[in-house]
N, C-alpha and C. Protein backbone atom coordinates (compact mmCIF):
# COMPACT_ATOMS: atom_id res chain seq x y z
N MET A 1 0.86 -1.17 0.00
CA MET A 1 0.00 0.00 0.00
C MET A 1 0.90 1.22 0.00
N ASP A 2 0.65 2.16 -0.91
CA ASP A 2 1.47 3.37 -0.93
C ASP A 2 0.85 4.44 -0.04
N ASP A 3 1.50 5.60 0.03
CA ASP A 3 1.04 6.66 0.94
C ASP A 3 -0.34 7.19 0.56
N ARG A 4 -0.64 7.24 -0.74
CA ARG A 4 -1.96 7.74 -1.16
C ARG A 4 -3.07 6.83 -0.65
N GLU A 5 -2.89 5.52 -0.73
CA GLU A 5 -3.90 4.59 -0.24
C GLU A 5 -4.04 4.68 1.28
N ALA A 6 -2.96 4.86 1.98
CA ALA A 6 -3.01 4.98 3.43
C ALA A 6 -3.76 6.23 3.84
N ILE A 7 -3.57 7.33 3.11
CA ILE A 7 -4.26 8.58 3.42
C ILE A 7 -5.76 8.44 3.14
N SER A 8 -6.11 7.82 2.00
CA SER A 8 -7.52 7.70 1.66
C SER A 8 -8.23 6.76 2.63
N VAL A 9 -7.57 5.73 3.12
CA VAL A 9 -8.16 4.84 4.10
C VAL A 9 -8.33 5.58 5.43
N GLY A 10 -7.39 6.42 5.78
CA GLY A 10 -7.47 7.18 7.03
C GLY A 10 -8.57 8.21 7.00
N ASP A 11 -8.96 8.69 5.83
CA ASP A 11 -10.01 9.70 5.72
C ASP A 11 -11.42 9.10 5.82
N ALA A 12 -11.54 7.81 5.68
CA ALA A 12 -12.85 7.17 5.70
C ALA A 12 -13.46 7.30 7.09
N GLU A 13 -14.78 7.44 7.11
CA GLU A 13 -15.48 7.53 8.40
C GLU A 13 -15.45 6.17 9.09
N PRO A 14 -15.30 6.17 10.40
CA PRO A 14 -15.33 4.89 11.11
C PRO A 14 -16.74 4.31 11.09
N ALA A 15 -16.82 3.00 11.18
CA ALA A 15 -18.13 2.34 11.20
C ALA A 15 -18.90 2.80 12.43
N PRO A 16 -20.22 3.06 12.29
CA PRO A 16 -21.00 3.53 13.44
C PRO A 16 -21.10 2.45 14.50
N ASP A 17 -21.17 2.88 15.73
CA ASP A 17 -21.33 1.98 16.86
C ASP A 17 -22.72 1.34 16.79
N LEU A 18 -22.81 0.07 17.18
CA LEU A 18 -24.11 -0.62 17.12
C LEU A 18 -25.15 0.06 18.00
N SER A 19 -24.74 0.59 19.13
CA SER A 19 -25.72 1.27 19.99
C SER A 19 -26.24 2.54 19.32
N GLU A 20 -25.40 3.18 18.53
CA GLU A 20 -25.84 4.37 17.79
C GLU A 20 -26.84 3.98 16.72
N VAL A 21 -26.57 2.89 16.02
CA VAL A 21 -27.50 2.40 14.99
C VAL A 21 -28.83 2.02 15.64
N ALA A 22 -28.77 1.33 16.78
CA ALA A 22 -30.00 0.94 17.48
C ALA A 22 -30.78 2.17 17.92
N ALA A 23 -30.08 3.19 18.40
CA ALA A 23 -30.76 4.41 18.82
C ALA A 23 -31.43 5.10 17.64
N GLN A 24 -30.78 5.10 16.49
CA GLN A 24 -31.38 5.72 15.30
C GLN A 24 -32.61 4.95 14.85
N CYS A 25 -32.54 3.62 14.91
CA CYS A 25 -33.70 2.80 14.53
C CYS A 25 -34.85 3.03 15.50
N ALA A 26 -34.53 3.10 16.80
CA ALA A 26 -35.58 3.34 17.79
C ALA A 26 -36.22 4.70 17.59
N ALA A 27 -35.41 5.69 17.26
CA ALA A 27 -35.95 7.03 17.02
C ALA A 27 -36.87 7.02 15.81
N ALA A 28 -36.47 6.31 14.76
CA ALA A 28 -37.31 6.23 13.56
C ALA A 28 -38.62 5.51 13.88
N ASP A 29 -38.53 4.43 14.68
CA ASP A 29 -39.74 3.71 15.05
C ASP A 29 -40.67 4.58 15.89
N LEU A 30 -40.10 5.37 16.80
CA LEU A 30 -40.92 6.26 17.61
C LEU A 30 -41.61 7.32 16.76
N LEU A 31 -40.91 7.82 15.76
CA LEU A 31 -41.52 8.81 14.87
C LEU A 31 -42.68 8.19 14.09
N ASP A 32 -42.49 6.96 13.62
CA ASP A 32 -43.58 6.27 12.92
C ASP A 32 -44.77 6.06 13.84
N PHE A 33 -44.50 5.66 15.07
CA PHE A 33 -45.56 5.43 16.05
C PHE A 33 -46.30 6.72 16.36
N ALA A 34 -45.55 7.80 16.50
CA ALA A 34 -46.18 9.10 16.77
C ALA A 34 -47.07 9.52 15.61
N ALA A 35 -46.64 9.24 14.39
CA ALA A 35 -47.45 9.59 13.22
C ALA A 35 -48.74 8.76 13.21
N GLN A 36 -48.64 7.48 13.59
CA GLN A 36 -49.85 6.65 13.65
C GLN A 36 -50.80 7.16 14.73
N LEU A 37 -50.26 7.54 15.88
CA LEU A 37 -51.11 8.08 16.94
C LEU A 37 -51.79 9.38 16.51
N ALA A 38 -51.07 10.21 15.78
CA ALA A 38 -51.67 11.45 15.29
C ALA A 38 -52.82 11.15 14.34
N GLY A 39 -52.64 10.15 13.50
CA GLY A 39 -53.72 9.74 12.59
C GLY A 39 -54.93 9.23 13.35
N LEU A 40 -54.68 8.42 14.38
CA LEU A 40 -55.79 7.93 15.20
C LEU A 40 -56.50 9.06 15.92
N ALA A 41 -55.75 10.04 16.38
CA ALA A 41 -56.36 11.19 17.05
C ALA A 41 -57.27 11.95 16.09
N GLU A 42 -56.85 12.08 14.85
CA GLU A 42 -57.69 12.75 13.85
C GLU A 42 -58.96 11.95 13.60
N ASP A 43 -58.83 10.61 13.53
CA ASP A 43 -60.01 9.77 13.33
C ASP A 43 -60.98 9.90 14.50
N LEU A 44 -60.44 9.91 15.72
CA LEU A 44 -61.30 10.06 16.90
C LEU A 44 -61.98 11.41 16.93
N LYS A 45 -61.26 12.43 16.51
CA LYS A 45 -61.86 13.77 16.46
C LYS A 45 -63.02 13.80 15.47
N ALA A 46 -62.84 13.15 14.33
CA ALA A 46 -63.91 13.11 13.33
C ALA A 46 -65.10 12.32 13.86
N LEU A 47 -64.84 11.21 14.56
CA LEU A 47 -65.94 10.43 15.12
C LEU A 47 -66.67 11.20 16.22
N ALA A 48 -65.94 11.95 17.01
CA ALA A 48 -66.55 12.71 18.09
C ALA A 48 -67.45 13.82 17.55
N ALA A 49 -67.17 14.30 16.35
CA ALA A 49 -67.97 15.37 15.77
C ALA A 49 -69.30 14.86 15.22
N ARG A 50 -69.40 13.55 15.02
CA ARG A 50 -70.64 12.98 14.48
C ARG A 50 -71.62 12.72 15.61
N PRO A 51 -72.91 13.02 15.40
CA PRO A 51 -73.90 12.76 16.46
C PRO A 51 -74.13 11.25 16.61
N ILE A 52 -74.45 10.86 17.82
CA ILE A 52 -74.75 9.46 18.09
C ILE A 52 -76.21 9.24 17.76
N GLU A 53 -76.46 8.30 16.88
CA GLU A 53 -77.83 8.00 16.48
C GLU A 53 -78.30 6.78 17.25
N PRO A 54 -79.50 6.85 17.84
CA PRO A 54 -80.00 5.70 18.59
C PRO A 54 -80.30 4.52 17.66
N ILE A 55 -80.11 3.35 18.18
CA ILE A 55 -80.41 2.14 17.42
C ILE A 55 -81.90 1.89 17.53
N PRO A 56 -82.60 1.74 16.40
CA PRO A 56 -84.05 1.52 16.48
C PRO A 56 -84.34 0.17 17.15
N THR A 57 -85.35 0.16 18.00
CA THR A 57 -85.74 -1.06 18.69
C THR A 57 -87.04 -1.58 18.10
N LEU A 58 -87.28 -2.84 18.30
CA LEU A 58 -88.53 -3.43 17.81
C LEU A 58 -89.70 -2.93 18.64
N ALA A 59 -90.83 -2.71 17.99
CA ALA A 59 -92.02 -2.23 18.70
C ALA A 59 -92.65 -3.36 19.50
N GLU A 60 -92.46 -4.61 19.07
CA GLU A 60 -93.04 -5.76 19.76
C GLU A 60 -92.03 -6.31 20.77
N PRO A 61 -92.48 -6.57 21.98
CA PRO A 61 -91.57 -7.18 22.95
C PRO A 61 -91.26 -8.62 22.59
N ASP A 62 -90.20 -9.15 23.16
CA ASP A 62 -89.79 -10.53 22.87
C ASP A 62 -90.76 -11.56 23.44
N HIS A 63 -91.49 -11.20 24.49
CA HIS A 63 -92.43 -12.15 25.11
C HIS A 63 -93.80 -11.46 25.23
N PRO A 64 -94.86 -12.25 25.26
CA PRO A 64 -96.22 -11.64 25.36
C PRO A 64 -96.41 -10.99 26.71
N PRO A 65 -97.22 -9.96 26.76
CA PRO A 65 -97.47 -9.28 28.04
C PRO A 65 -98.17 -10.21 29.01
N GLU A 66 -97.88 -10.00 30.30
CA GLU A 66 -98.50 -10.82 31.32
C GLU A 66 -99.95 -10.36 31.54
N ALA A 67 -100.78 -11.29 31.93
CA ALA A 67 -102.19 -10.96 32.20
C ALA A 67 -102.30 -10.16 33.48
N THR A 68 -103.13 -9.12 33.46
CA THR A 68 -103.35 -8.31 34.65
C THR A 68 -104.74 -8.58 35.18
N SER A 69 -105.06 -8.06 36.30
CA SER A 69 -106.38 -8.29 36.89
C SER A 69 -107.48 -7.68 36.03
N SER A 70 -107.19 -6.65 35.27
CA SER A 70 -108.21 -6.04 34.42
C SER A 70 -108.49 -6.91 33.19
N ASP A 71 -107.55 -7.81 32.82
CA ASP A 71 -107.75 -8.66 31.66
C ASP A 71 -108.65 -9.84 32.00
N LEU A 72 -108.81 -10.19 33.25
CA LEU A 72 -109.61 -11.37 33.64
C LEU A 72 -111.04 -11.11 33.59
């Protein structure tokens, strides 16, 4: 190896530390998670703005009415 190759090898950036890579991945994952939460918050806000409509019930009861003293 001549002096030019030694200088060019010395100028190269050192490989990143694994803990630094893990921290960058965790930061990226947290940003993705935060974006998903923001989207869910927008969905909840839209749902909250809609009125709650009652579910229609059947007019007939499930069982026949009991006999009263006036029915006898």
